[in-house]
Amino acid sequence: MHVVMAAAEAIPFAKTGGLADVCGTLPLKLAEQGHACSLFIPAYKRALASGLPMIDTHVTFVVDMVGKPMAARILKTTIGNGLVDVYLVDQPLYFDRDQLYGDDRGDFRDNCERFCFFSRCVVEAIERLRLPVDIIHCHDWQAGLIPAYHKTNFRDFQWYRNAASVMTIHNLAYQGRYWQHDMGLTALEWQYFNWQQMEFFGDLNLLKTGIAFADIVTTVSPSYAMEIRTPAHGCGLDGSLRVRGNRIAGIVNGVDYDVWDPRNDIHLVQKYNIDNWQIGKRQCKRDLQRHVGLPERDHVPLIGLIGRLAGQKGWDLVKPLLEQLVETLDVQWVILGNGDQRFADALSELARRRPDRVAVRLEFSDPLAHKIEAASDMFLMPSLYEPCGLNQLYSLRYGTVPIVHATGGLIDTVCNLNDASLSAGTATGFSFQNYDLDSLKECVLRAVDTYSRESQVWDTLVRKGMAQDWSWLNSAIAYESVYRRAREMAAIDGRL
């Protein structure tokens, strides 16, 4: 198959979150499986500065943005030693900015216009480049218009006739919702601005558009695919998702073990594997303790936390948990992240009060993230909701036992320790069901007690986690199945 992907970001060009990891890695794994893959992204300032050679395809055209003619130029480069062609949609007025979606004042006010332009350019460029398309795979709201263009035969492009569409939701909370008069920017007929397709409480909703028109909708874990069809997690789109029935699938994101594996991690003072994990983690713990200014204590439990300081990530529970436990529980905490100032201030105060137990770095540092994963005995990830999550997958490979809220991708990837899972040999971590402080506290104390009192059980947990395979190859194979299903659905609908 020839798979064409469209996304707002992808490594190594531009990244704000896990979307970039998926869109920069999945095409490579599909190509390694024998598929032809192409990727479209905006030509952001940082993408053009990626260091990769850019070729002018000499494909240029003008898009009418409600009476404002905007020129587009298509640039090309490759990733994976030429395995994947990457096409960049160049229009400096929209994309020559320091950030992708906003600045200190908030989201860019023209984001709807920017990504309507991007989607329209993708469908136009595919036609002009004469790309043979079997699957057009669109990621998040920024590419949500493309399935609508495909299904409605917008411009009657030749490539539509042989293609099926897949829409992937990475986080349903981000929907691309704009006022109804931005409908003109889409260039689609107003007949599609209805409650079943593009309209959402009087507004234009670009993610809903992709959900309504795609042949198959996917999200980034099986449990999240079920959760978003409920009012509790559906963000107002649960009804739109339920009507898609069996055309929704959940596939867990993969891990790039070339980067995230203690056997070959360039950031570690001591590399290690499943056979010598105790020696390796001891050296890595000492190195991290020195690095962040904690006392060098081998046997004290070390709990790591990495990520955005936001309520969705569970910090409204973590803050009071630390305030309760920091004086009474002999545990060290290492925290890396930035975000909500109220959480940052509270964590800084805890680190000032107990520098022997709490180390906080209000930044993002990739080398330090690797050190924390390797040095920690446990990794705390109590997200309110989590479409997939990656740090719990990194933790499993590094022998760092996850403590998670049983939601979304976390429940799909971490098996809670209990008598049944221990007996079956499937336990890999600790999880709690109810999202409240008491449940989180009980789970953390249970993990710390197991670490301190049951060394054989802990060794079993670590080894089981390190032996798991959450590689991108498995995810790519699952996407192959989804692509075949999408083409079957398109054939049933009479379009293939």
Protein backbone atom coordinates (compact mmCIF):
# COMPACT_ATOMS: atom_id res chain seq x y z
CA MET A 1 0.00 0.00 0.00
CA HIS A 2 0.93 3.64 -0.42
CA VAL A 3 0.12 5.46 2.81
CA VAL A 4 0.05 9.26 2.84
CA MET A 5 -0.02 10.91 6.27
CA ALA A 6 -0.95 14.48 7.12
CA ALA A 7 -0.12 15.97 10.50
CA ALA A 8 0.68 19.27 12.18
CA GLU A 9 3.99 18.02 13.58
CA ALA A 10 6.51 15.20 13.29
CA ILE A 11 10.00 14.51 14.51
CA PRO A 12 12.64 15.58 13.58
CA PHE A 13 10.95 18.67 12.15
CA ALA A 14 8.66 20.07 14.84
CA LYS A 15 7.37 18.75 18.14
CA THR A 16 5.16 19.83 21.02
CA GLY A 17 4.02 16.37 22.17
CA GLY A 18 3.55 12.68 21.42
CA LEU A 19 1.83 13.40 18.10
CA ALA A 20 5.23 14.28 16.64
CA ASP A 21 6.75 11.00 17.80
CA VAL A 22 3.96 9.01 16.16
CA CYS A 23 4.04 10.88 12.87
CA GLY A 24 7.81 10.80 12.60
CA THR A 25 8.18 7.11 13.50
CA LEU A 26 5.11 5.22 12.27
CA PRO A 27 5.78 5.98 8.56
CA LEU A 28 9.31 4.60 8.93
CA LYS A 29 8.06 1.36 10.48
CA LEU A 30 5.42 0.96 7.79
CA ALA A 31 8.08 1.54 5.13
CA GLU A 32 10.25 -1.12 6.75
CA GLN A 33 7.27 -3.47 6.34
CA GLY A 34 7.32 -2.85 2.60
CA HIS A 35 4.77 -0.06 2.23
CA ALA A 36 5.37 3.22 0.41
CA CYS A 37 4.92 6.13 2.82
CA SER A 38 4.72 9.88 2.41
CA LEU A 39 4.19 12.55 5.05
CA PHE A 40 2.83 16.10 4.79
CA ILE A 41 3.56 18.72 7.46
CA PRO A 42 3.60 22.54 7.51
CA ALA A 43 6.91 24.24 6.65
CA TYR A 44 7.38 25.80 10.07
CA LYS A 45 10.46 27.89 10.76
CA ARG A 46 11.91 25.13 12.94
CA ALA A 47 11.08 22.47 10.32
CA LEU A 48 13.05 24.36 7.69
CA ALA A 49 15.91 24.63 10.20
CA SER A 50 15.97 20.87 10.87
CA GLY A 51 19.23 20.48 8.99
CA LEU A 52 17.78 18.11 6.41
CA PRO A 53 18.23 19.11 2.77
CA MET A 54 15.09 20.62 1.24
CA ILE A 55 14.27 20.22 -2.43
CA ASP A 56 11.88 22.52 -4.27
CA THR A 57 9.35 20.27 -6.06
CA HIS A 58 8.35 23.23 -8.27
CA VAL A 59 4.74 22.48 -7.34
CA THR A 60 3.11 25.82 -6.56
CA PHE A 61 -0.50 26.92 -6.53
CA VAL A 62 -2.83 29.48 -5.03
CA VAL A 63 -5.57 28.75 -2.49
CA ASP A 64 -8.48 31.18 -2.17
CA MET A 65 -8.94 31.81 1.56
CA VAL A 66 -12.28 33.64 1.38
CA GLY A 67 -11.18 36.24 -1.12
CA LYS A 68 -7.56 36.26 0.04
CA PRO A 69 -5.34 34.43 -2.49
CA MET A 70 -2.58 32.56 -0.65
CA ALA A 71 0.30 30.98 -2.54
CA ALA A 72 1.63 27.57 -1.53
CA ARG A 73 4.96 26.01 -2.38
CA ILE A 74 5.68 22.32 -1.79
CA LEU A 75 9.15 21.40 -0.55
CA LYS A 76 10.46 17.87 -0.18
CA THR A 77 12.95 15.99 1.94
CA THR A 78 13.26 12.44 3.24
CA ILE A 79 13.74 10.61 6.54
CA GLY A 80 15.01 7.13 7.31
CA ASN A 81 17.75 7.20 4.68
CA GLY A 82 15.22 7.88 1.96
CA LEU A 83 12.54 5.44 3.16
CA VAL A 84 9.87 8.12 3.64
CA ASP A 85 9.23 11.19 1.51
CA VAL A 86 8.30 14.26 3.51
CA TYR A 87 6.46 17.15 1.85
CA LEU A 88 6.36 20.53 3.56
CA VAL A 89 3.61 23.05 2.80
CA ASP A 90 5.36 26.41 2.64
CA GLN A 91 3.57 29.71 3.23
CA PRO A 92 5.62 32.05 5.45
CA LEU A 93 2.65 34.22 6.45
CA TYR A 94 1.12 31.18 8.19
CA PHE A 95 4.08 29.08 9.26
CA ASP A 96 7.18 31.29 9.62
CA ARG A 97 6.69 31.66 13.38
CA ASP A 98 8.76 30.71 16.41
CA GLN A 99 6.03 28.48 17.85
CA LEU A 100 3.62 26.05 16.22
CA TYR A 101 0.23 26.97 17.66
CA GLY A 102 0.57 30.03 19.87
CA ASP A 103 2.75 32.30 21.96
CA ASP A 104 2.74 33.79 25.46
CA ARG A 105 -0.56 35.50 24.70
CA GLY A 106 -2.30 32.22 23.83
CA ASP A 107 -3.25 30.37 20.65
CA PHE A 108 -2.70 32.18 17.37
CA ARG A 109 -5.97 33.85 16.38
CA ASP A 110 -5.66 32.60 12.80
CA ASN A 111 -5.13 28.90 13.64
CA CYS A 112 -8.34 27.90 11.90
CA GLU A 113 -7.24 29.71 8.76
CA ARG A 114 -3.72 28.27 8.97
CA PHE A 115 -4.81 24.65 9.17
CA CYS A 116 -7.70 24.95 6.73
CA PHE A 117 -5.04 26.20 4.34
CA PHE A 118 -2.77 23.28 5.24
CA SER A 119 -5.48 20.67 4.65
CA ARG A 120 -6.52 22.21 1.35
CA CYS A 121 -2.89 22.29 0.25
CA VAL A 122 -2.39 18.61 1.10
CA VAL A 123 -5.24 17.42 -1.12
CA GLU A 124 -4.14 19.76 -3.92
CA ALA A 125 -0.47 18.75 -3.67
CA ILE A 126 -1.25 15.02 -3.74
CA GLU A 127 -3.03 15.56 -7.04
CA ARG A 128 -0.32 17.72 -8.55
CA LEU A 129 2.48 15.42 -7.39
CA ARG A 130 0.52 12.46 -8.78
CA LEU A 131 1.02 10.40 -5.66
CA PRO A 132 -0.68 6.99 -5.80
CA VAL A 133 -2.72 6.90 -2.58
CA ASP A 134 -4.26 3.81 -1.03
CA ILE A 135 -4.67 5.32 2.46
CA ILE A 136 -4.81 8.96 3.50
CA HIS A 137 -4.06 8.92 7.24
CA CYS A 138 -4.94 12.17 9.01
CA HIS A 139 -3.87 13.08 12.54
CA ASP A 140 -5.84 15.31 14.93
CA TRP A 141 -7.99 18.33 14.19
CA GLN A 142 -5.36 20.14 12.15
CA ALA A 143 -5.90 17.57 9.37
CA GLY A 144 -9.57 16.88 10.10
CA LEU A 145 -10.86 18.48 6.91
CA ILE A 146 -9.05 16.05 4.63
CA PRO A 147 -11.49 13.11 5.10
CA ALA A 148 -14.32 15.54 4.28
CA TYR A 149 -12.62 16.66 1.08
CA HIS A 150 -12.08 13.02 0.19
CA LYS A 151 -15.62 11.83 0.94
CA THR A 152 -17.36 14.78 -0.74
CA ASN A 153 -15.24 14.60 -3.89
CA PHE A 154 -14.09 18.15 -3.33
CA ARG A 155 -12.50 19.30 -6.60
CA ASP A 156 -13.04 15.77 -8.01
CA PHE A 157 -9.38 14.83 -7.75
CA GLN A 158 -8.23 11.61 -9.38
CA TRP A 159 -6.49 10.28 -6.26
CA TYR A 160 -9.75 10.21 -4.29
CA ARG A 161 -11.03 7.32 -6.39
CA ASN A 162 -8.54 4.75 -5.13
CA ALA A 163 -8.07 5.92 -1.55
CA ALA A 164 -9.62 5.23 1.83
CA SER A 165 -9.27 7.57 4.80
CA VAL A 166 -8.22 7.02 8.42
CA MET A 167 -8.58 9.67 11.13
CA THR A 168 -6.51 9.32 14.32
CA ILE A 169 -7.47 11.11 17.54
CA HIS A 170 -4.46 11.69 19.77
CA ASN A 171 -6.31 13.69 22.43
CA LEU A 172 -10.04 14.32 22.11
CA ALA A 173 -9.86 17.41 24.31
CA TYR A 174 -8.22 19.34 21.46
CA GLN A 175 -10.84 19.67 18.74
CA GLY A 176 -10.19 22.74 16.60
CA ARG A 177 -13.45 24.49 17.50
CA TYR A 178 -14.08 27.86 15.83
CA TRP A 179 -16.99 30.17 15.14
CA GLN A 180 -19.39 29.17 12.40
CA HIS A 181 -18.35 31.88 9.96
CA ASP A 182 -14.95 30.20 9.62
CA MET A 183 -16.84 27.59 7.60
CA GLY A 184 -15.98 29.69 4.55
CA LEU A 185 -12.30 28.94 5.08
CA THR A 186 -12.97 25.25 4.44
CA ALA A 187 -14.42 25.93 0.96
CA LEU A 188 -16.96 23.17 1.63
CA GLU A 189 -20.67 23.68 1.01
CA TRP A 190 -22.75 24.94 3.91
CA GLN A 191 -24.93 21.83 3.63
CA TYR A 192 -22.22 19.98 5.58
CA PHE A 193 -22.50 22.41 8.48
CA ASN A 194 -24.99 20.27 10.33
CA TRP A 195 -25.10 18.52 13.70
CA GLN A 196 -24.06 15.18 12.23
CA GLN A 197 -20.97 16.35 10.35
CA MET A 198 -19.24 19.68 10.96
CA GLU A 199 -21.39 21.73 13.35
CA PHE A 200 -20.87 21.59 17.13
CA PHE A 201 -23.15 23.72 19.33
CA GLY A 202 -23.25 26.39 16.66
CA ASP A 203 -19.53 26.30 15.96
CA LEU A 204 -17.30 24.70 13.35
CA ASN A 205 -15.49 21.66 14.77
CA LEU A 206 -12.61 20.33 12.67
CA LEU A 207 -12.03 17.16 14.68
CA LYS A 208 -15.71 16.27 14.53
CA THR A 209 -15.46 16.76 10.77
CA GLY A 210 -12.71 14.14 10.51
CA ILE A 211 -14.62 11.74 12.77
CA ALA A 212 -17.78 12.08 10.69
CA PHE A 213 -16.20 11.63 7.26
CA ALA A 214 -13.33 9.17 7.73
CA ASP A 215 -13.71 5.53 6.70
CA ILE A 216 -12.09 4.42 9.97
CA VAL A 217 -11.40 6.38 13.17
CA THR A 218 -8.55 5.33 15.44
CA THR A 219 -7.19 6.50 18.73
CA VAL A 220 -4.06 5.68 20.63
CA SER A 221 -5.20 2.89 22.95
CA PRO A 222 -8.09 0.40 23.07
CA SER A 223 -9.39 1.61 26.44
CA TYR A 224 -9.35 5.25 25.34
CA ALA A 225 -11.30 4.23 22.24
CA MET A 226 -14.01 2.92 24.58
CA GLU A 227 -13.82 5.79 27.08
CA ILE A 228 -14.35 8.55 24.52
CA ARG A 229 -17.70 7.03 23.60
CA THR A 230 -19.00 7.87 27.08
CA PRO A 231 -20.22 11.26 28.34
CA ALA A 232 -17.51 11.26 31.04
CA HIS A 233 -14.63 11.25 28.53
CA GLY A 234 -16.29 12.15 25.24
CA CYS A 235 -15.70 15.93 25.47
CA GLY A 236 -19.10 16.45 23.86
CA LEU A 237 -18.29 14.19 20.90
CA ASP A 238 -19.29 10.86 22.46
CA GLY A 239 -22.47 10.77 20.39
CA SER A 240 -20.58 11.38 17.16
CA LEU A 241 -18.19 8.58 18.08
CA ARG A 242 -20.86 6.09 19.12
CA VAL A 243 -22.60 6.33 15.76
CA ARG A 244 -19.39 5.19 14.06
CA GLY A 245 -19.92 1.77 15.66
CA ASN A 246 -17.32 -0.76 14.60
CA ARG A 247 -15.41 1.83 12.59
CA ILE A 248 -13.41 2.88 15.66
CA ALA A 249 -10.21 1.13 16.76
CA GLY A 250 -7.58 1.74 19.44
CA ILE A 251 -3.86 1.10 18.83
CA VAL A 252 -1.25 1.74 21.51
CA ASN A 253 1.60 3.97 20.40
CA GLY A 254 4.98 2.33 20.11
CA VAL A 255 8.34 3.02 21.71
CA ASP A 256 11.52 3.70 19.78
CA TYR A 257 13.86 1.27 21.53
CA ASP A 258 16.80 2.69 19.59
CA VAL A 259 16.40 5.72 21.86
CA TRP A 260 14.62 4.41 24.96
CA ASP A 261 16.46 1.30 26.14
CA PRO A 262 18.89 1.07 29.07
CA ARG A 263 21.05 -1.31 27.09
CA ASN A 264 22.13 1.44 24.70
CA ASP A 265 21.05 4.75 26.29
CA ILE A 266 23.78 7.32 25.72
CA HIS A 267 22.59 9.44 28.66
CA LEU A 268 23.25 6.82 31.34
CA VAL A 269 26.39 6.56 33.47
CA GLN A 270 25.85 2.79 33.53
CA LYS A 271 24.02 0.84 30.85
CA TYR A 272 22.16 -2.27 31.97
CA ASN A 273 19.77 -5.03 30.92
CA ILE A 274 17.33 -7.50 32.43
CA ASP A 275 20.17 -9.64 33.79
CA ASN A 276 22.08 -6.92 35.65
CA TRP A 277 19.37 -4.36 36.30
CA GLN A 278 20.09 -4.08 40.02
CA ILE A 279 23.72 -3.08 39.46
CA GLY A 280 22.84 -0.72 36.62
CA LYS A 281 20.01 1.04 38.41
CA ARG A 282 22.09 1.45 41.57
CA GLN A 283 24.78 3.31 39.63
CA CYS A 284 22.20 5.37 37.77
CA LYS A 285 20.45 6.25 41.05
CA ARG A 286 23.67 7.50 42.59
CA ASP A 287 24.42 9.55 39.47
CA LEU A 288 20.96 11.16 39.50
CA GLN A 289 21.10 11.87 43.23
CA ARG A 290 24.39 13.70 42.72
CA HIS A 291 23.00 15.50 39.67
CA VAL A 292 19.90 16.90 41.42
CA GLY A 293 21.42 17.36 44.89
CA LEU A 294 19.72 14.55 46.79
CA PRO A 295 21.61 12.49 49.42
CA GLU A 296 23.19 9.37 47.93
CA ARG A 297 21.14 6.62 49.53
CA ASP A 298 20.94 3.30 47.72
CA HIS A 299 18.03 1.75 49.57
CA VAL A 300 15.63 4.68 49.88
CA PRO A 301 12.83 4.36 47.29
CA LEU A 302 13.16 6.93 44.51
CA ILE A 303 9.96 7.96 42.69
CA GLY A 304 10.18 9.86 39.41
CA LEU A 305 7.63 12.13 37.74
CA ILE A 306 8.08 13.68 34.30
CA GLY A 307 5.67 15.77 32.28
CA ARG A 308 3.46 18.78 31.93
CA LEU A 309 2.29 20.33 35.20
CA ALA A 310 -1.43 20.25 34.50
CA GLY A 311 -4.59 18.96 36.12
CA GLN A 312 -5.09 16.37 33.38
CA LYS A 313 -1.78 14.79 34.37
CA GLY A 314 -2.92 14.31 37.97
CA TRP A 315 -1.04 17.16 39.64
CA ASP A 316 -4.13 18.20 41.59
CA LEU A 317 -3.67 14.87 43.42
CA VAL A 318 0.13 14.78 43.44
CA LYS A 319 0.45 18.18 45.14
CA PRO A 320 -1.55 17.26 48.28
CA LEU A 321 -0.05 13.77 48.26
CA LEU A 322 3.47 15.18 48.51
CA GLU A 323 2.39 17.70 51.12
CA GLN A 324 1.07 14.81 53.23
CA LEU A 325 3.90 12.35 52.73
CA VAL A 326 7.07 14.42 52.44
CA GLU A 327 7.55 14.68 56.21
CA THR A 328 6.49 11.14 57.17
CA LEU A 329 7.52 8.79 54.35
CA ASP A 330 11.21 8.08 53.76
CA VAL A 331 11.08 8.41 49.99
CA GLN A 332 12.94 10.61 47.50
CA TRP A 333 10.99 12.37 44.73
CA VAL A 334 12.49 13.70 41.49
CA ILE A 335 10.20 15.88 39.38
CA LEU A 336 10.87 17.20 35.88
CA GLY A 337 8.39 19.37 34.01
CA ASN A 338 6.81 22.77 33.54
CA GLY A 339 3.33 24.20 33.16
CA ASP A 340 0.74 25.50 35.61
CA GLN A 341 2.40 28.05 37.90
CA ARG A 342 0.41 27.06 41.00
CA PHE A 343 1.84 23.54 40.79
CA ALA A 344 5.32 24.86 40.03
CA ASP A 345 5.22 27.16 43.08
CA ALA A 346 3.99 24.39 45.40
CA LEU A 347 6.66 21.94 44.21
CA SER A 348 9.40 24.53 44.56
CA GLU A 349 8.30 25.19 48.15
CA LEU A 350 8.39 21.45 48.94
CA ALA A 351 11.90 21.18 47.49
CA ARG A 352 13.01 24.19 49.54
CA ARG A 353 11.52 22.71 52.72
CA ARG A 354 12.84 19.17 52.26
CA PRO A 355 15.85 19.26 49.88
CA ASP A 356 16.84 15.82 51.18
CA ARG A 357 13.61 14.30 49.81
CA VAL A 358 12.36 16.45 46.93
CA ALA A 359 14.25 17.61 43.82
CA VAL A 360 12.40 19.71 41.25
CA ARG A 361 13.52 20.86 37.82
CA LEU A 362 10.98 23.22 36.22
CA GLU A 363 12.08 22.66 32.64
CA PHE A 364 12.18 19.98 30.03
CA SER A 365 15.49 18.22 29.52
CA ASP A 366 15.65 15.10 27.39
CA PRO A 367 18.95 13.88 28.93
CA LEU A 368 17.57 14.37 32.45
CA ALA A 369 14.37 12.54 31.48
CA HIS A 370 16.47 9.53 30.50
CA LYS A 371 18.42 9.71 33.77
CA ILE A 372 15.21 9.83 35.81
CA GLU A 373 13.72 6.85 34.00
CA ALA A 374 16.83 4.79 34.66
CA ALA A 375 17.47 5.88 38.24
CA SER A 376 13.94 5.75 39.66
CA ASP A 377 12.57 2.69 41.40
CA MET A 378 9.01 3.76 40.60
CA PHE A 379 7.40 6.15 38.14
CA LEU A 380 4.21 7.94 39.18
CA MET A 381 1.66 8.70 36.44
CA PRO A 382 -1.77 9.40 38.00
CA SER A 383 -3.40 11.08 34.99
CA LEU A 384 -7.09 11.97 35.17
CA TYR A 385 -7.26 10.63 31.61
CA GLU A 386 -4.48 9.44 29.33
CA PRO A 387 -5.11 8.60 25.66
CA CYS A 388 -1.95 6.50 25.51
CA GLY A 389 1.01 7.69 27.54
CA LEU A 390 4.64 6.94 26.79
CA ASN A 391 6.48 7.34 30.07
CA GLN A 392 4.91 4.24 31.55
CA LEU A 393 6.20 2.31 28.52
CA TYR A 394 9.68 3.78 28.93
CA SER A 395 9.53 2.88 32.63
CA LEU A 396 8.72 -0.75 31.94
CA ARG A 397 11.78 -1.12 29.72
CA TYR A 398 14.00 0.63 32.30
CA GLY A 399 12.88 -1.60 35.18
CA THR A 400 11.12 1.35 36.80
CA VAL A 401 7.81 0.07 38.17
CA PRO A 402 4.84 2.27 37.08
CA ILE A 403 2.20 3.55 39.50
CA VAL A 404 -0.77 4.67 37.40
CA HIS A 405 -4.42 5.62 37.41
CA ALA A 406 -6.40 2.87 35.67
CA THR A 407 -7.48 4.88 32.64
CA GLY A 408 -6.92 4.91 28.87
CA GLY A 409 -3.56 3.67 27.66
CA LEU A 410 -2.31 3.29 31.23
CA ILE A 411 -4.71 0.46 32.02
CA ASP A 412 -3.89 -1.15 28.66
CA THR A 413 -0.16 -1.25 29.33
CA VAL A 414 0.30 -1.67 33.11
CA CYS A 415 -1.00 -4.78 34.87
CA ASN A 416 -1.81 -4.14 38.54
CA LEU A 417 -0.08 -6.31 41.12
CA ASN A 418 -2.52 -8.48 43.04
CA ASP A 419 -2.68 -12.14 44.04
CA ALA A 420 -4.16 -13.21 40.70
CA SER A 421 -1.72 -11.28 38.47
CA LEU A 422 1.25 -12.33 40.59
CA SER A 423 0.22 -15.97 40.34
CA ALA A 424 -0.35 -15.66 36.58
CA GLY A 425 2.99 -13.90 36.09
CA THR A 426 1.38 -10.88 34.38
CA ALA A 427 1.87 -8.13 36.99
CA THR A 428 4.04 -5.19 35.91
CA GLY A 429 3.05 -2.33 38.22
CA PHE A 430 0.45 -0.74 40.48
CA SER A 431 -2.81 0.98 39.57
CA PHE A 432 -5.74 2.61 41.36
CA GLN A 433 -9.33 2.83 40.12
CA ASN A 434 -10.93 5.87 41.77
CA TYR A 435 -9.46 9.25 40.91
CA ASP A 436 -9.10 10.66 44.42
CA LEU A 437 -6.34 11.40 46.91
CA ASP A 438 -7.04 8.45 49.20
CA SER A 439 -6.86 5.94 46.34
CA LEU A 440 -3.62 7.42 45.02
CA LYS A 441 -2.08 7.49 48.49
CA GLU A 442 -3.01 3.87 49.17
CA CYS A 443 -1.50 2.81 45.83
CA VAL A 444 1.78 4.67 46.43
CA LEU A 445 2.11 3.25 49.94
CA ARG A 446 1.40 -0.25 48.63
CA ALA A 447 4.15 0.14 46.03
CA VAL A 448 6.66 1.50 48.55
CA ASP A 449 5.84 -1.30 50.99
CA THR A 450 6.32 -3.94 48.29
CA TYR A 451 9.67 -2.41 47.31
CA SER A 452 10.85 -2.33 50.93
CA ARG A 453 9.56 -5.69 52.18
CA GLU A 454 9.16 -8.06 49.22
CA SER A 455 12.34 -8.04 47.18
CA GLN A 456 11.48 -11.23 45.27
CA VAL A 457 8.10 -9.83 44.21
CA TRP A 458 9.82 -6.59 43.17
CA ASP A 459 12.35 -8.49 41.09
CA THR A 460 9.49 -10.32 39.38
CA LEU A 461 7.72 -7.03 38.58
CA VAL A 462 10.87 -5.48 37.17
CA ARG A 463 11.79 -8.46 35.02
CA LYS A 464 8.28 -8.85 33.63
CA GLY A 465 8.18 -5.17 32.67
CA MET A 466 11.62 -5.19 31.07
CA ALA A 467 10.69 -8.23 28.97
CA GLN A 468 7.63 -6.54 27.43
CA ASP A 469 7.69 -5.49 23.79
CA TRP A 470 5.93 -2.20 23.06
CA SER A 471 7.94 -1.51 19.91
CA TRP A 472 6.64 0.43 16.93
CA LEU A 473 6.73 -2.74 14.86
CA ASN A 474 3.73 -4.11 16.75
CA SER A 475 1.87 -0.83 16.31
CA ALA A 476 2.67 -0.76 12.60
CA ILE A 477 1.27 -4.26 12.14
CA ALA A 478 -1.92 -3.16 13.90
CA TYR A 479 -2.20 -0.14 11.61
CA GLU A 480 -1.82 -2.40 8.58
CA SER A 481 -4.94 -4.23 9.73
CA VAL A 482 -6.78 -0.91 10.18
CA TYR A 483 -5.80 0.19 6.69
CA ARG A 484 -7.18 -3.01 5.18
CA ARG A 485 -10.37 -2.50 7.16
CA ALA A 486 -10.66 1.08 5.92
CA ARG A 487 -10.46 -0.07 2.33
CA GLU A 488 -13.10 -2.71 3.02
CA MET A 489 -15.37 -0.01 4.46
CA ALA A 490 -14.77 2.23 1.46
CA ALA A 491 -15.68 -0.67 -0.83
CA ILE A 492 -18.87 -1.34 1.13
CA ASP A 493 -19.74 2.32 0.74
CA GLY A 494 -19.30 1.91 -3.02
CA ARG A 495 -16.24 4.12 -3.39
CA LEU A 496 -13.60 1.50 -4.20
